[in-house]
Amino acid sequence: MSIIEKQNLLEAVDKALNDIRPHLAVDGGNIEVVEVTDDFIVKVKWLGNCQTCSMSAMTMRAGVEQTIKQKVPSIKQIVAVNGIQV
């Protein structure tokens, strides 16, 4: 994947996350894209209260993953690099 393709994917994923950010902000949290790998895995970082929230795993599956895959279908997986692990 070229640098331009990777940058375009990163921007598309970040834009998709804008749909989720207001819901996270209500509880004092946020999320940022750390990396999009060459094998189409998105690495995200939980910020604020989301780092220690026991609901972050559910939010990842029901909100983050669903939204990103719907808006950027080439993405295969989303993983958090921090926060509570399940």
Protein backbone atom coordinates (compact mmCIF):
# COMPACT_ATOMS: atom_id res chain seq x y z
CA MET A 1 0.00 0.00 0.00
CA SER A 2 1.40 3.40 -0.94
CA ILE A 3 1.83 6.24 1.51
CA ILE A 4 -0.98 8.15 -0.22
CA GLU A 5 -3.35 5.16 -0.02
CA LYS A 6 -2.51 4.70 3.64
CA GLN A 7 -3.08 8.41 4.33
CA ASN A 8 -6.43 8.29 2.52
CA LEU A 9 -7.51 5.28 4.59
CA LEU A 10 -6.37 6.97 7.79
CA GLU A 11 -8.41 10.07 6.95
CA ALA A 12 -11.49 8.00 6.03
CA VAL A 13 -11.30 6.07 9.30
CA ASP A 14 -10.81 9.25 11.32
CA LYS A 15 -13.80 10.82 9.58
CA ALA A 16 -15.92 7.73 10.36
CA LEU A 17 -14.94 8.04 14.03
CA ASN A 18 -16.43 11.55 14.07
CA ASP A 19 -19.84 9.84 14.20
CA ILE A 20 -18.87 8.14 17.46
CA ARG A 21 -16.86 10.85 19.19
CA PRO A 22 -19.86 12.87 20.47
CA HIS A 23 -21.17 9.76 22.28
CA LEU A 24 -17.76 9.14 23.85
CA ALA A 25 -17.38 12.80 24.83
CA VAL A 26 -20.59 12.66 26.88
CA ASP A 27 -18.76 10.33 29.26
CA GLY A 28 -15.47 12.24 29.11
CA GLY A 29 -13.80 10.01 26.55
CA ASN A 30 -12.49 10.02 23.01
CA ILE A 31 -10.69 7.80 20.52
CA GLU A 32 -7.86 8.43 18.09
CA VAL A 33 -6.44 6.49 15.17
CA VAL A 34 -2.87 5.37 15.83
CA GLU A 35 -2.19 3.46 12.62
CA VAL A 36 -3.68 1.71 9.62
CA THR A 37 -1.50 -1.29 8.81
CA ASP A 38 -0.69 -2.64 5.36
CA ASP A 39 -3.03 -5.56 6.05
CA PHE A 40 -5.95 -3.17 6.73
CA ILE A 41 -6.01 -3.36 10.50
CA VAL A 42 -6.84 -0.13 12.31
CA LYS A 43 -5.12 0.50 15.62
CA VAL A 44 -6.91 2.96 17.87
CA LYS A 45 -6.16 4.49 21.24
CA TRP A 46 -8.83 5.14 23.86
CA LEU A 47 -8.56 8.57 25.47
CA GLY A 48 -9.95 10.07 28.67
CA ASN A 49 -12.47 7.99 30.58
CA CYS A 50 -12.60 5.42 27.76
CA GLN A 51 -9.18 4.12 28.84
CA THR A 52 -10.61 2.61 32.02
CA CYS A 53 -14.25 2.12 31.09
CA SER A 54 -15.55 -1.41 31.50
CA MET A 55 -17.86 -0.82 28.53
CA SER A 56 -15.04 -0.04 26.08
CA ALA A 57 -15.02 -3.60 24.68
CA MET A 58 -18.73 -3.37 23.91
CA THR A 59 -18.30 0.13 22.48
CA MET A 60 -15.51 -1.21 20.28
CA ARG A 61 -17.70 -3.96 18.79
CA ALA A 62 -21.08 -2.22 18.65
CA GLY A 63 -19.94 1.29 17.82
CA VAL A 64 -16.40 1.72 16.59
CA GLU A 65 -15.99 -1.48 14.56
CA GLN A 66 -19.44 -1.33 13.02
CA THR A 67 -19.11 2.33 12.01
CA ILE A 68 -15.63 2.01 10.55
CA LYS A 69 -16.41 -1.15 8.58
CA GLN A 70 -19.62 0.38 7.25
CA LYS A 71 -17.90 3.55 6.02
CA VAL A 72 -14.54 2.00 5.08
CA PRO A 73 -15.32 -1.57 3.96
CA SER A 74 -11.70 -2.43 3.13
CA ILE A 75 -10.83 -2.40 6.85
CA LYS A 76 -10.60 -5.94 8.23
CA GLN A 77 -10.14 -5.41 11.95
CA ILE A 78 -9.98 -2.71 14.62
CA VAL A 79 -7.85 -3.16 17.74
CA ALA A 80 -7.24 -0.94 20.75
CA VAL A 81 -3.62 -0.43 21.76
CA ASN A 82 -4.64 0.57 25.30
CA GLY A 83 -7.54 0.41 27.70
CA ILE A 84 -9.22 -2.56 29.31
CA GLN A 85 -8.45 -5.79 27.48
CA VAL A 86 -11.01 -8.59 27.17
